[in-house]
Amino acid sequence: MSGFGAVPEELRRAAGQIGDVGDRTAGLVWRGPSGEYGHDGVAGAWELFIEEMRSYVERLRQEADEHAVGLRAAASSYVDVDGERADVFGRLDPERSAS
C-alpha cells in the first residue's frame, strides 16, 4: 500500500469498535424497578416503555452494524484502488522500467 497509508486500517478499527459497542449494548439486561407499582396502569406503562426502548436500541444496533459493514467495504476499496494505482504508476517509473 503506497497512497492511502493507514486509512484502511483506521476504517477497519472504527468498524471493529462499532461492532464492539453493538455487542455490549445487545448484552445489556433491561430491568425496571421490581415490586408493586400500586397501579396496573403504571406497571403496564413501564412494561411498554421497556419494550419500546428495546426496539429502539435494537434498531440502532442494526444501523451501527450496517455502518461497520460499510466501513469495512470502504477499507477494502481503498486497498484495491491503491494497489491498482501503484501498479499503473510503477509502470511509469523509469527506474522500475529499466529493471
N, C-alpha and C. Protein backbone atom coordinates (compact mmCIF):
# COMPACT_ATOMS: atom_id res chain seq x y z
N MET A 1 0.84 -1.16 0.00
CA MET A 1 0.00 0.00 0.00
C MET A 1 0.89 1.23 0.00
N SER A 2 0.62 2.16 -0.92
CA SER A 2 1.50 3.31 -1.00
C SER A 2 0.78 4.64 -0.88
N GLY A 3 -0.44 4.76 -1.35
CA GLY A 3 -1.08 6.06 -1.41
C GLY A 3 -1.92 6.44 -0.22
N PHE A 4 -2.67 5.52 0.32
CA PHE A 4 -3.60 5.85 1.37
C PHE A 4 -3.06 5.62 2.77
N GLY A 5 -1.92 5.02 2.89
CA GLY A 5 -1.32 4.82 4.19
C GLY A 5 -2.20 4.02 5.13
N ALA A 6 -2.47 4.58 6.27
CA ALA A 6 -3.19 3.86 7.32
C ALA A 6 -4.71 4.00 7.23
N VAL A 7 -5.22 4.66 6.21
CA VAL A 7 -6.67 4.88 6.12
C VAL A 7 -7.46 3.58 6.19
N PRO A 8 -7.13 2.57 5.41
CA PRO A 8 -7.92 1.33 5.51
C PRO A 8 -7.89 0.71 6.91
N GLU A 9 -6.74 0.74 7.55
CA GLU A 9 -6.66 0.17 8.90
C GLU A 9 -7.48 0.98 9.89
N GLU A 10 -7.49 2.29 9.73
CA GLU A 10 -8.31 3.14 10.60
C GLU A 10 -9.79 2.84 10.40
N LEU A 11 -10.20 2.64 9.16
CA LEU A 11 -11.60 2.31 8.88
C LEU A 11 -11.96 0.96 9.50
N ARG A 12 -11.07 -0.01 9.36
CA ARG A 12 -11.33 -1.33 9.96
C ARG A 12 -11.40 -1.23 11.48
N ARG A 13 -10.52 -0.44 12.06
CA ARG A 13 -10.52 -0.28 13.52
C ARG A 13 -11.84 0.37 13.98
N ALA A 14 -12.29 1.39 13.26
CA ALA A 14 -13.56 2.04 13.61
C ALA A 14 -14.72 1.06 13.48
N ALA A 15 -14.70 0.25 12.43
CA ALA A 15 -15.75 -0.76 12.25
C ALA A 15 -15.75 -1.75 13.41
N GLY A 16 -14.57 -2.15 13.85
CA GLY A 16 -14.46 -3.07 14.98
C GLY A 16 -14.99 -2.45 16.26
N GLN A 17 -14.70 -1.18 16.46
CA GLN A 17 -15.18 -0.50 17.67
C GLN A 17 -16.70 -0.37 17.65
N ILE A 18 -17.25 -0.09 16.49
CA ILE A 18 -18.71 -0.02 16.36
C ILE A 18 -19.31 -1.38 16.69
N GLY A 19 -18.72 -2.44 16.15
CA GLY A 19 -19.20 -3.78 16.44
C GLY A 19 -19.12 -4.13 17.91
N ASP A 20 -18.02 -3.72 18.55
CA ASP A 20 -17.86 -4.00 19.99
C ASP A 20 -18.95 -3.30 20.82
N VAL A 21 -19.22 -2.05 20.50
CA VAL A 21 -20.25 -1.31 21.23
C VAL A 21 -21.62 -1.96 21.01
N GLY A 22 -21.88 -2.35 19.77
CA GLY A 22 -23.15 -3.02 19.47
C GLY A 22 -23.30 -4.32 20.24
N ASP A 23 -22.22 -5.09 20.32
CA ASP A 23 -22.27 -6.35 21.07
C ASP A 23 -22.52 -6.10 22.55
N ARG A 24 -21.82 -5.10 23.10
CA ARG A 24 -22.02 -4.79 24.53
C ARG A 24 -23.44 -4.31 24.79
N THR A 25 -23.96 -3.49 23.89
CA THR A 25 -25.32 -2.97 24.06
C THR A 25 -26.34 -4.10 23.97
N ALA A 26 -26.15 -5.01 23.02
CA ALA A 26 -27.07 -6.13 22.88
C ALA A 26 -27.06 -7.02 24.12
N GLY A 27 -25.96 -7.02 24.85
CA GLY A 27 -25.85 -7.86 26.03
C GLY A 27 -26.40 -7.23 27.30
N LEU A 28 -26.85 -5.99 27.21
CA LEU A 28 -27.40 -5.34 28.40
C LEU A 28 -28.69 -6.03 28.84
N VAL A 29 -28.88 -6.10 30.12
CA VAL A 29 -30.11 -6.66 30.67
C VAL A 29 -31.02 -5.50 31.03
N TRP A 30 -32.19 -5.51 30.46
CA TRP A 30 -33.14 -4.43 30.70
C TRP A 30 -34.04 -4.80 31.86
N ARG A 31 -33.94 -4.05 32.93
CA ARG A 31 -34.77 -4.28 34.10
C ARG A 31 -35.30 -2.95 34.62
N GLY A 32 -36.53 -2.98 34.98
CA GLY A 32 -37.12 -1.83 35.63
C GLY A 32 -37.17 -2.09 37.12
N PRO A 33 -37.69 -1.13 37.84
CA PRO A 33 -37.83 -1.35 39.28
C PRO A 33 -38.74 -2.56 39.53
N SER A 34 -38.38 -3.34 40.51
CA SER A 34 -39.20 -4.51 40.81
C SER A 34 -40.14 -4.20 41.96
N GLY A 35 -41.15 -5.01 42.08
CA GLY A 35 -42.08 -4.84 43.19
C GLY A 35 -43.42 -4.33 42.73
N GLU A 36 -44.20 -3.95 43.67
CA GLU A 36 -45.54 -3.45 43.41
C GLU A 36 -45.48 -2.01 42.93
N TYR A 37 -46.26 -1.73 41.90
CA TYR A 37 -46.31 -0.36 41.40
C TYR A 37 -47.48 0.40 41.99
N GLY A 38 -48.40 -0.32 42.61
CA GLY A 38 -49.55 0.33 43.22
C GLY A 38 -50.68 0.59 42.25
N HIS A 39 -50.40 0.42 40.96
CA HIS A 39 -51.45 0.67 39.96
C HIS A 39 -51.12 -0.13 38.71
N ASP A 40 -52.11 -0.83 38.19
CA ASP A 40 -51.89 -1.65 36.99
C ASP A 40 -51.49 -0.79 35.79
N GLY A 41 -52.00 0.43 35.71
CA GLY A 41 -51.65 1.32 34.61
C GLY A 41 -50.17 1.68 34.63
N VAL A 42 -49.62 1.91 35.82
CA VAL A 42 -48.20 2.24 35.95
C VAL A 42 -47.35 1.04 35.52
N ALA A 43 -47.72 -0.14 35.99
CA ALA A 43 -46.98 -1.36 35.63
C ALA A 43 -47.03 -1.59 34.12
N GLY A 44 -48.19 -1.41 33.52
CA GLY A 44 -48.33 -1.59 32.07
C GLY A 44 -47.54 -0.56 31.29
N ALA A 45 -47.57 0.68 31.75
CA ALA A 45 -46.82 1.74 31.07
C ALA A 45 -45.32 1.47 31.14
N TRP A 46 -44.85 0.98 32.30
CA TRP A 46 -43.43 0.68 32.45
C TRP A 46 -43.02 -0.45 31.49
N GLU A 47 -43.82 -1.50 31.41
CA GLU A 47 -43.52 -2.61 30.51
C GLU A 47 -43.49 -2.13 29.05
N LEU A 48 -44.45 -1.30 28.68
CA LEU A 48 -44.49 -0.76 27.32
C LEU A 48 -43.25 0.08 27.04
N PHE A 49 -42.87 0.92 27.99
CA PHE A 49 -41.68 1.75 27.84
C PHE A 49 -40.44 0.88 27.62
N ILE A 50 -40.26 -0.15 28.44
CA ILE A 50 -39.09 -1.03 28.32
C ILE A 50 -39.08 -1.72 26.95
N GLU A 51 -40.20 -2.21 26.50
CA GLU A 51 -40.27 -2.87 25.19
C GLU A 51 -39.94 -1.90 24.06
N GLU A 52 -40.44 -0.67 24.15
CA GLU A 52 -40.12 0.33 23.12
C GLU A 52 -38.63 0.65 23.12
N MET A 53 -38.04 0.78 24.29
CA MET A 53 -36.61 1.07 24.37
C MET A 53 -35.79 -0.09 23.79
N ARG A 54 -36.20 -1.30 24.07
CA ARG A 54 -35.50 -2.46 23.49
C ARG A 54 -35.54 -2.39 21.97
N SER A 55 -36.71 -2.06 21.42
CA SER A 55 -36.84 -1.94 19.97
C SER A 55 -35.94 -0.85 19.41
N TYR A 56 -35.92 0.30 20.07
CA TYR A 56 -35.07 1.40 19.61
C TYR A 56 -33.59 1.03 19.65
N VAL A 57 -33.18 0.42 20.75
CA VAL A 57 -31.78 0.04 20.88
C VAL A 57 -31.41 -1.01 19.84
N GLU A 58 -32.27 -1.96 19.60
CA GLU A 58 -32.01 -2.99 18.59
C GLU A 58 -31.89 -2.36 17.20
N ARG A 59 -32.78 -1.41 16.90
CA ARG A 59 -32.70 -0.74 15.59
C ARG A 59 -31.39 0.04 15.46
N LEU A 60 -30.98 0.73 16.51
CA LEU A 60 -29.70 1.45 16.48
C LEU A 60 -28.53 0.49 16.31
N ARG A 61 -28.59 -0.65 16.98
CA ARG A 61 -27.52 -1.65 16.86
C ARG A 61 -27.44 -2.16 15.43
N GLN A 62 -28.58 -2.41 14.81
CA GLN A 62 -28.59 -2.86 13.41
C GLN A 62 -28.02 -1.80 12.48
N GLU A 63 -28.37 -0.55 12.71
CA GLU A 63 -27.83 0.54 11.89
C GLU A 63 -26.32 0.66 12.09
N ALA A 64 -25.87 0.51 13.31
CA ALA A 64 -24.43 0.55 13.58
C ALA A 64 -23.72 -0.59 12.86
N ASP A 65 -24.31 -1.77 12.87
CA ASP A 65 -23.73 -2.91 12.15
C ASP A 65 -23.62 -2.60 10.66
N GLU A 66 -24.65 -1.97 10.10
CA GLU A 66 -24.62 -1.60 8.68
C GLU A 66 -23.48 -0.61 8.41
N HIS A 67 -23.29 0.34 9.30
CA HIS A 67 -22.20 1.30 9.14
C HIS A 67 -20.85 0.60 9.21
N ALA A 68 -20.72 -0.36 10.12
CA ALA A 68 -19.46 -1.10 10.25
C ALA A 68 -19.18 -1.88 8.96
N VAL A 69 -20.20 -2.49 8.38
CA VAL A 69 -20.03 -3.21 7.11
C VAL A 69 -19.57 -2.23 6.03
N GLY A 70 -20.18 -1.05 6.00
CA GLY A 70 -19.79 -0.04 5.01
C GLY A 70 -18.35 0.43 5.19
N LEU A 71 -17.92 0.59 6.44
CA LEU A 71 -16.53 0.98 6.69
C LEU A 71 -15.56 -0.10 6.22
N ARG A 72 -15.89 -1.36 6.48
CA ARG A 72 -15.02 -2.45 6.02
C ARG A 72 -14.96 -2.49 4.50
N ALA A 73 -16.10 -2.26 3.85
CA ALA A 73 -16.12 -2.24 2.38
C ALA A 73 -15.29 -1.08 1.85
N ALA A 74 -15.38 0.08 2.50
CA ALA A 74 -14.59 1.24 2.08
C ALA A 74 -13.10 0.94 2.24
N ALA A 75 -12.73 0.29 3.34
CA ALA A 75 -11.32 -0.06 3.55
C ALA A 75 -10.82 -0.97 2.44
N SER A 76 -11.62 -1.97 2.10
CA SER A 76 -11.23 -2.88 1.01
C SER A 76 -11.11 -2.15 -0.31
N SER A 77 -12.03 -1.22 -0.54
CA SER A 77 -11.99 -0.43 -1.77
C SER A 77 -10.71 0.40 -1.85
N TYR A 78 -10.34 1.04 -0.73
CA TYR A 78 -9.10 1.81 -0.71
C TYR A 78 -7.90 0.92 -1.05
N VAL A 79 -7.86 -0.26 -0.46
CA VAL A 79 -6.74 -1.17 -0.71
C VAL A 79 -6.70 -1.57 -2.18
N ASP A 80 -7.88 -1.90 -2.74
CA ASP A 80 -7.94 -2.31 -4.15
C ASP A 80 -7.49 -1.18 -5.08
N VAL A 81 -8.04 0.02 -4.85
CA VAL A 81 -7.70 1.16 -5.71
C VAL A 81 -6.22 1.51 -5.56
N ASP A 82 -5.73 1.48 -4.34
CA ASP A 82 -4.33 1.81 -4.09
C ASP A 82 -3.41 0.82 -4.83
N GLY A 83 -3.76 -0.45 -4.76
CA GLY A 83 -2.95 -1.46 -5.45
C GLY A 83 -2.97 -1.27 -6.96
N GLU A 84 -4.14 -0.96 -7.50
CA GLU A 84 -4.25 -0.73 -8.95
C GLU A 84 -3.43 0.49 -9.37
N ARG A 85 -3.53 1.56 -8.61
CA ARG A 85 -2.81 2.79 -8.96
C ARG A 85 -1.30 2.60 -8.80
N ALA A 86 -0.89 1.88 -7.79
CA ALA A 86 0.53 1.64 -7.60
C ALA A 86 1.09 0.85 -8.77
N ASP A 87 0.30 -0.08 -9.28
CA ASP A 87 0.74 -0.86 -10.42
C ASP A 87 0.89 0.02 -11.66
N VAL A 88 -0.08 0.90 -11.90
CA VAL A 88 -0.05 1.80 -13.06
C VAL A 88 1.13 2.77 -12.94
N PHE A 89 1.27 3.40 -11.78
CA PHE A 89 2.35 4.37 -11.62
C PHE A 89 3.71 3.69 -11.58
N GLY A 90 3.75 2.45 -11.11
CA GLY A 90 5.00 1.71 -11.11
C GLY A 90 5.51 1.48 -12.52
N ARG A 91 4.59 1.27 -13.46
CA ARG A 91 5.00 1.07 -14.85
C ARG A 91 5.50 2.37 -15.47
N LEU A 92 5.09 3.52 -14.90
CA LEU A 92 5.54 4.80 -15.41
C LEU A 92 6.89 5.22 -14.83
N ASP A 93 7.35 4.56 -13.79
CA ASP A 93 8.60 4.89 -13.12
C ASP A 93 9.76 4.40 -13.98
N PRO A 94 10.63 5.30 -14.49
CA PRO A 94 11.71 4.90 -15.37
C PRO A 94 12.68 3.93 -14.67
N GLU A 95 12.89 4.09 -13.39
CA GLU A 95 13.80 3.18 -12.67
C GLU A 95 13.25 1.78 -12.63
N ARG A 96 11.95 1.63 -12.46
CA ARG A 96 11.35 0.31 -12.42
C ARG A 96 11.31 -0.30 -13.81
N SER A 97 11.13 0.54 -14.83
CA SER A 97 11.08 0.05 -16.21
C SER A 97 12.43 -0.48 -16.65
N ALA A 98 13.51 0.08 -16.13
CA ALA A 98 14.86 -0.34 -16.54
C ALA A 98 15.20 -1.71 -15.97
N SER A 99 14.56 -2.13 -14.87
CA SER A 99 14.93 -3.40 -14.25
C SER A 99 14.33 -4.58 -14.95
